[in-house]
Amino acid sequence: MHLEGVNLASGLPNTTSDMQEMDDWFQDLKVKSDSNAQEIFQEHMFQYSLSLMSYSNDGKTEVKTATLSNDDIPRIIHGRPNDPIEKKPFSLMLPQGRFSIIG
């Protein structure tokens, strides 16, 4: 029967509704994280422009490109230690008083 296109074995359940629910739960996290990433990238672009302005053709000066890296992930998700709660996307997602984030 398999050769005729009939599959009698059960397949994976449709998870579309589960994915939509997860999207709803994490929508704010994504928006706030994207905002933090944009801010960090703008800072990198500023540093890049400063390094271009101070660039000399001596062959010793290195100009790094402006990119986001793995080193930026903690700040994208958790913000800086002194940032307000609005700049800490992961902390916003947790019910206040039930969990604590160290660091």
N, C-alpha and C. Protein backbone atom coordinates (compact mmCIF):
# COMPACT_ATOMS: atom_id res chain seq x y z
N MET A 1 0.81 -1.19 0.00
CA MET A 1 0.00 0.00 0.00
C MET A 1 0.86 1.26 0.00
N HIS A 2 2.07 1.15 0.56
CA HIS A 2 2.94 2.32 0.61
C HIS A 2 3.32 2.78 -0.80
N LEU A 3 3.51 1.82 -1.68
CA LEU A 3 3.85 2.17 -3.06
C LEU A 3 2.71 2.90 -3.77
N GLU A 4 1.49 2.73 -3.29
CA GLU A 4 0.34 3.40 -3.89
C GLU A 4 0.06 4.75 -3.22
N GLY A 5 0.93 5.17 -2.28
CA GLY A 5 0.77 6.48 -1.65
C GLY A 5 -0.01 6.47 -0.36
N VAL A 6 -0.31 5.29 0.19
CA VAL A 6 -1.05 5.21 1.44
C VAL A 6 -0.07 4.87 2.55
N ASN A 7 0.00 5.74 3.56
CA ASN A 7 0.90 5.53 4.68
C ASN A 7 0.05 5.23 5.91
N LEU A 8 0.12 4.01 6.41
CA LEU A 8 -0.69 3.59 7.54
C LEU A 8 -0.08 3.96 8.89
N ALA A 9 1.22 4.27 8.91
CA ALA A 9 1.88 4.64 10.16
C ALA A 9 1.52 6.08 10.50
N SER A 10 1.35 6.32 11.79
CA SER A 10 1.01 7.68 12.19
C SER A 10 2.23 8.58 12.07
N GLY A 11 1.98 9.81 11.72
CA GLY A 11 3.06 10.79 11.57
C GLY A 11 3.10 11.72 12.76
N LEU A 12 3.88 12.76 12.64
CA LEU A 12 3.98 13.75 13.70
C LEU A 12 2.71 14.59 13.75
N PRO A 13 2.30 15.01 14.92
CA PRO A 13 1.11 15.85 15.02
C PRO A 13 1.39 17.24 14.43
N ASN A 14 0.36 17.89 13.99
CA ASN A 14 0.48 19.23 13.46
C ASN A 14 0.70 20.19 14.63
N THR A 15 1.79 20.93 14.61
CA THR A 15 2.13 21.81 15.72
C THR A 15 1.86 23.28 15.41
N THR A 16 1.10 23.55 14.39
CA THR A 16 0.86 24.93 13.99
C THR A 16 0.28 25.77 15.12
N SER A 17 -0.71 25.23 15.82
CA SER A 17 -1.33 26.00 16.91
C SER A 17 -0.34 26.22 18.04
N ASP A 18 0.51 25.22 18.31
CA ASP A 18 1.52 25.38 19.36
C ASP A 18 2.53 26.47 18.98
N MET A 19 2.92 26.50 17.73
CA MET A 19 3.88 27.50 17.28
C MET A 19 3.28 28.90 17.37
N GLN A 20 2.01 29.04 17.05
CA GLN A 20 1.36 30.34 17.15
C GLN A 20 1.31 30.80 18.60
N GLU A 21 1.06 29.88 19.50
CA GLU A 21 1.03 30.23 20.91
C GLU A 21 2.41 30.66 21.40
N MET A 22 3.45 29.95 20.98
CA MET A 22 4.81 30.34 21.34
C MET A 22 5.16 31.71 20.76
N ASP A 23 4.74 31.96 19.52
CA ASP A 23 4.97 33.28 18.92
C ASP A 23 4.31 34.37 19.75
N ASP A 24 3.11 34.12 20.23
CA ASP A 24 2.42 35.11 21.06
C ASP A 24 3.16 35.34 22.38
N TRP A 25 3.64 34.26 22.98
CA TRP A 25 4.33 34.38 24.26
C TRP A 25 5.63 35.18 24.12
N PHE A 26 6.38 34.93 23.04
CA PHE A 26 7.70 35.51 22.90
C PHE A 26 7.75 36.73 21.98
N GLN A 27 6.60 37.25 21.60
CA GLN A 27 6.56 38.41 20.71
C GLN A 27 7.27 39.61 21.34
N ASP A 28 6.97 39.89 22.60
CA ASP A 28 7.62 41.03 23.27
C ASP A 28 9.12 40.83 23.40
N LEU A 29 9.54 39.60 23.68
CA LEU A 29 10.97 39.31 23.79
C LEU A 29 11.67 39.61 22.47
N LYS A 30 11.06 39.20 21.37
CA LYS A 30 11.65 39.42 20.06
C LYS A 30 11.74 40.91 19.74
N VAL A 31 10.68 41.65 20.01
CA VAL A 31 10.68 43.08 19.71
C VAL A 31 11.74 43.81 20.53
N LYS A 32 11.80 43.54 21.83
CA LYS A 32 12.78 44.21 22.70
C LYS A 32 14.21 43.78 22.37
N SER A 33 14.40 42.50 22.05
CA SER A 33 15.73 42.03 21.68
C SER A 33 16.19 42.66 20.38
N ASP A 34 15.30 42.78 19.41
CA ASP A 34 15.63 43.43 18.15
C ASP A 34 16.02 44.88 18.38
N SER A 35 15.32 45.55 19.28
CA SER A 35 15.62 46.94 19.60
C SER A 35 17.01 47.06 20.23
N ASN A 36 17.34 46.16 21.14
CA ASN A 36 18.67 46.16 21.75
C ASN A 36 19.75 45.88 20.72
N ALA A 37 19.50 44.92 19.84
CA ALA A 37 20.47 44.59 18.80
C ALA A 37 20.72 45.79 17.89
N GLN A 38 19.66 46.51 17.54
CA GLN A 38 19.80 47.69 16.70
C GLN A 38 20.64 48.76 17.40
N GLU A 39 20.40 48.95 18.67
CA GLU A 39 21.16 49.94 19.44
C GLU A 39 22.65 49.56 19.51
N ILE A 40 22.93 48.30 19.74
CA ILE A 40 24.31 47.82 19.81
C ILE A 40 24.98 47.98 18.45
N PHE A 41 24.26 47.66 17.38
CA PHE A 41 24.84 47.79 16.05
C PHE A 41 25.15 49.25 15.74
N GLN A 42 24.28 50.16 16.15
CA GLN A 42 24.55 51.59 15.95
C GLN A 42 25.81 52.02 16.69
N GLU A 43 26.02 51.49 17.89
CA GLU A 43 27.25 51.78 18.63
C GLU A 43 28.47 51.25 17.88
N HIS A 44 28.35 50.05 17.33
CA HIS A 44 29.46 49.49 16.54
C HIS A 44 29.71 50.33 15.29
N MET A 45 28.67 50.79 14.66
CA MET A 45 28.83 51.65 13.47
C MET A 45 29.53 52.95 13.84
N PHE A 46 29.20 53.52 14.99
CA PHE A 46 29.84 54.74 15.44
C PHE A 46 31.34 54.50 15.65
N GLN A 47 31.68 53.40 16.33
CA GLN A 47 33.09 53.06 16.55
C GLN A 47 33.80 52.83 15.22
N TYR A 48 33.10 52.19 14.28
CA TYR A 48 33.66 51.93 12.95
C TYR A 48 33.96 53.26 12.25
N SER A 49 33.03 54.20 12.32
CA SER A 49 33.25 55.49 11.66
C SER A 49 34.41 56.24 12.31
N LEU A 50 34.54 56.14 13.64
CA LEU A 50 35.68 56.77 14.31
C LEU A 50 37.00 56.15 13.87
N SER A 51 37.01 54.83 13.73
CA SER A 51 38.25 54.17 13.32
C SER A 51 38.59 54.50 11.88
N LEU A 52 37.58 54.71 11.02
CA LEU A 52 37.85 55.12 9.64
C LEU A 52 38.42 56.53 9.60
N MET A 53 37.89 57.41 10.45
CA MET A 53 38.39 58.79 10.46
C MET A 53 39.83 58.86 10.95
N SER A 54 40.20 57.97 11.86
CA SER A 54 41.56 58.00 12.40
C SER A 54 42.49 57.04 11.66
N TYR A 55 42.01 56.43 10.60
CA TYR A 55 42.81 55.46 9.85
C TYR A 55 44.00 56.14 9.20
N SER A 56 45.12 55.50 9.29
CA SER A 56 46.31 56.00 8.59
C SER A 56 46.82 54.88 7.69
N ASN A 57 47.47 55.25 6.66
CA ASN A 57 47.97 54.27 5.69
C ASN A 57 49.32 53.70 6.08
N ASP A 58 49.60 53.62 7.36
CA ASP A 58 50.89 53.11 7.80
C ASP A 58 50.96 51.59 7.77
N GLY A 59 49.85 50.93 7.51
CA GLY A 59 49.83 49.48 7.45
C GLY A 59 49.70 48.81 8.80
N LYS A 60 49.73 49.58 9.87
CA LYS A 60 49.64 49.02 11.21
C LYS A 60 48.24 49.17 11.81
N THR A 61 47.48 50.09 11.28
CA THR A 61 46.15 50.36 11.81
C THR A 61 45.16 49.37 11.23
N GLU A 62 44.42 48.74 12.10
CA GLU A 62 43.40 47.77 11.67
C GLU A 62 42.02 48.38 11.85
N VAL A 63 41.21 48.30 10.81
CA VAL A 63 39.84 48.80 10.89
C VAL A 63 38.92 47.59 10.89
N LYS A 64 38.21 47.40 12.00
CA LYS A 64 37.28 46.28 12.11
C LYS A 64 35.93 46.69 11.56
N THR A 65 35.27 45.76 10.92
CA THR A 65 33.94 46.04 10.39
C THR A 65 32.92 46.06 11.53
N ALA A 66 31.80 46.72 11.27
CA ALA A 66 30.74 46.82 12.27
C ALA A 66 29.79 45.64 12.10
N THR A 67 29.87 44.69 13.01
CA THR A 67 28.99 43.53 12.98
C THR A 67 28.56 43.17 14.40
N LEU A 68 27.49 42.43 14.50
CA LEU A 68 27.10 41.85 15.78
C LEU A 68 27.81 40.51 15.92
N SER A 69 28.22 40.19 17.12
CA SER A 69 28.91 38.92 17.34
C SER A 69 28.29 38.19 18.53
N ASN A 70 28.81 37.02 18.81
CA ASN A 70 28.33 36.25 19.96
C ASN A 70 28.57 37.01 21.27
N ASP A 71 29.56 37.88 21.29
CA ASP A 71 29.83 38.67 22.49
C ASP A 71 28.69 39.64 22.81
N ASP A 72 27.86 39.96 21.82
CA ASP A 72 26.76 40.90 22.02
C ASP A 72 25.48 40.22 22.53
N ILE A 73 25.41 38.91 22.46
CA ILE A 73 24.18 38.19 22.81
C ILE A 73 23.73 38.45 24.26
N PRO A 74 24.64 38.39 25.25
CA PRO A 74 24.15 38.65 26.63
C PRO A 74 23.50 40.03 26.78
N ARG A 75 24.09 41.03 26.14
CA ARG A 75 23.51 42.37 26.26
C ARG A 75 22.20 42.48 25.49
N ILE A 76 22.09 41.78 24.37
CA ILE A 76 20.84 41.81 23.59
C ILE A 76 19.71 41.23 24.44
N ILE A 77 19.98 40.14 25.14
CA ILE A 77 18.94 39.45 25.90
C ILE A 77 18.74 40.05 27.29
N HIS A 78 19.85 40.35 27.98
CA HIS A 78 19.76 40.77 29.39
C HIS A 78 20.02 42.25 29.62
N GLY A 79 20.49 42.97 28.61
CA GLY A 79 20.83 44.37 28.81
C GLY A 79 22.09 44.51 29.66
N ARG A 80 22.36 45.74 30.06
CA ARG A 80 23.49 46.01 30.95
C ARG A 80 23.00 45.96 32.40
N PRO A 81 23.92 45.80 33.36
CA PRO A 81 23.49 45.70 34.76
C PRO A 81 22.67 46.89 35.25
N ASN A 82 22.99 48.09 34.82
CA ASN A 82 22.29 49.28 35.31
C ASN A 82 21.15 49.74 34.40
N ASP A 83 20.84 48.98 33.38
CA ASP A 83 19.75 49.34 32.47
C ASP A 83 18.40 49.22 33.18
N PRO A 84 17.43 50.05 32.78
CA PRO A 84 16.08 49.88 33.32
C PRO A 84 15.48 48.57 32.82
N ILE A 85 14.44 48.11 33.47
CA ILE A 85 13.82 46.82 33.15
C ILE A 85 13.34 46.79 31.69
N GLU A 86 12.99 47.93 31.12
CA GLU A 86 12.52 47.97 29.73
C GLU A 86 13.61 47.59 28.74
N LYS A 87 14.87 47.70 29.16
CA LYS A 87 16.00 47.35 28.29
C LYS A 87 16.50 45.93 28.55
N LYS A 88 15.78 45.18 29.39
CA LYS A 88 16.15 43.81 29.72
C LYS A 88 15.02 42.88 29.28
N PRO A 89 15.02 42.50 28.00
CA PRO A 89 13.89 41.73 27.45
C PRO A 89 13.59 40.44 28.20
N PHE A 90 14.61 39.69 28.58
CA PHE A 90 14.37 38.41 29.23
C PHE A 90 13.73 38.61 30.60
N SER A 91 14.18 39.64 31.32
CA SER A 91 13.61 39.93 32.63
C SER A 91 12.15 40.35 32.52
N LEU A 92 11.80 41.02 31.44
CA LEU A 92 10.40 41.42 31.23
C LEU A 92 9.49 40.21 31.04
N MET A 93 10.05 39.13 30.47
CA MET A 93 9.25 37.95 30.18
C MET A 93 8.96 37.12 31.43
N LEU A 94 9.83 37.23 32.44
CA LEU A 94 9.66 36.41 33.65
C LEU A 94 8.67 37.06 34.59
N PRO A 95 7.82 36.26 35.22
CA PRO A 95 6.92 36.81 36.24
C PRO A 95 7.75 37.38 37.38
N GLN A 96 7.54 38.63 37.71
CA GLN A 96 8.33 39.29 38.74
C GLN A 96 8.10 38.63 40.10
N GLY A 97 9.19 38.41 40.83
CA GLY A 97 9.10 37.84 42.17
C GLY A 97 9.20 36.33 42.20
N ARG A 98 9.06 35.65 41.08
CA ARG A 98 9.13 34.18 41.09
C ARG A 98 10.50 33.67 40.69
N PHE A 99 11.25 34.46 39.94
CA PHE A 99 12.57 34.06 39.49
C PHE A 99 13.54 35.19 39.77
N SER A 100 14.80 34.85 39.89
CA SER A 100 15.81 35.89 39.99
C SER A 100 16.92 35.57 38.99
N ILE A 101 17.42 36.62 38.39
CA ILE A 101 18.52 36.47 37.43
C ILE A 101 19.79 36.96 38.11
N ILE A 102 20.79 36.12 38.12
CA ILE A 102 22.05 36.47 38.75
C ILE A 102 22.93 37.13 37.71
N GLY A 103 23.48 38.26 38.07
CA GLY A 103 24.41 38.90 37.15
C GLY A 103 23.97 40.15 36.58
